Amino acid sequence: MDAKEFTLRREKLFAQVMEQSMIVLFAGGLVKSSADATYPFVVNKNFYYLTGIEQENSVLVMIKTPTTVKTYLFIDEIDETKTRWVGKKLDVETATKLSGIHDVFMRSMFETRLKEMLLDTNGFGKITHAYLDQEKNLILDGKIKTPDSYGEELKLQSPNLTIENIYPQITKLRMIKSAKEVEAIRQAIKGTAYGLQSIRKHLKPGLYEHQIEGLFQYAIKEFQNMGLAFETIIASGKNAVVLHYPNPKDKISDGALVLCDLGATNGQYRGDITRTYPANRKFNPLQKQIYEIVLKANQMIIQMAKPGLKIVDLQQAVMKFLSEAAFKEGLIKLPEDIGSIYYHNVGHHLGLDTHDPISREIPLEPGCVITVEPGLYIKELGIGIRIEDNILITEKGCENLSIEIPKTIEELEA
């Protein structure tokens, strides 16, 4: 992403807020884990979406009046002592180059500058509305400050201030990916595909699930120093009926299927792919029977997806297909029993988050990127199968961004 991309996003957001208003967004802060250690920093994705800045303690302030719009970025001062330990922080020039924001100040000035804006000492006029990202359970900084508590702080400074939630507007903007965002996701999927290729090459009975997990992580690092989009799920045999199987420690048995739900990151953008492989490179007849049902469901939804449909519409279609197919093949006693062997949604939006926070009730539009991931999970048989692709909604249908990752029985056995 270049600075023009972030500037355009801010312009779109400015168009959706009231006059005499301010938007205040926080990158987030470091949170202590134990002793002098902290958890790895994860930037607030809505803050990143508007700035391109990934550094903790940063703050974005946007002011809109009838006569002007102003954008300010606050970043930490460079501390030479800390630099020796953790490396150099952003300087003003670099922050401007990344974000396209020219008014960049030190974080230590933030409270004073914000008070000036609220008290109208800058000549903008009285600020009547303040927009905050009120995402549920969001932490604004390392002091565990929440949007609600911060809103109360602002109202103490300006009692007549109205606090508004900017979260829905930003996530709605995030729903439609630009060409550069799509390209970033494509690259994340390429890294994921490279990792899956390595798994296919080395997978065999007798290995442990955690070895396959480590193999994927090594492969995406080797590919382009990519990170994990989420905790890798490697589940063999009966473990694959647990959707987010948490502890990959079992030995992979001969004849087992191995479900691999994983993804690589390209910058902040993510891939999210699932493939299910026979450990010994050969499906048995029962596995083949169930796999073909899931594969046909996957292919049907990819063919069906288009603008105007909602993810809930795709879910209804896949539920109908799976219930009829599973009943016909004797996997369930009644079609309405499908919930016992298929118990998740067929997809979700994908982007800066693996599960981009966008409702499945919103009609799809060109530029949406979603997952397609039907599955069947039969505990009694020790079989769990999921096949997941990432698709881009286009003007007339969709494009399968992960089409080059093998998934047919013929390809997997070859």
Foldseek 3Di string as FASTA:
>chain_A
DWQVQLVVLVVVLLVVDDALEKEKEFQAEWACDDDPDTDPRDGDVLVCNNQVDNDHPKMWMWHHHPVDIAIEIEEADWDPVVCVPPNTDDDLVVSCRRHVHNHYYYSVCVVVVVLCSCVVVVVRDHRAEYEYAQPPCDARYRVRDHPVNVVVVVCVSPVRHHYHYCNVVSLVVVQFADPVQVVQALVFLVLQLQLVVQCLVPFAFFAFQVVSQVSSQVSSCVVPNWHWLDRKDKAKFLLQLPPRSDDRGDTHHQQIKIKTWTTTGRSLFIDTWIAIAHRHLAHDPVRQLQLVLQVVLLVVLQQVAAFFDFQVVSQVVSLQSSLVSCCVVVVDVHSVCQCVFWPDGQKAWGGSHNRRPDDSPDTRDQRTKMKGKTWTRDNVRRDIGIGIFIWGHHHGGIDTSNVVRDHHSVVSND
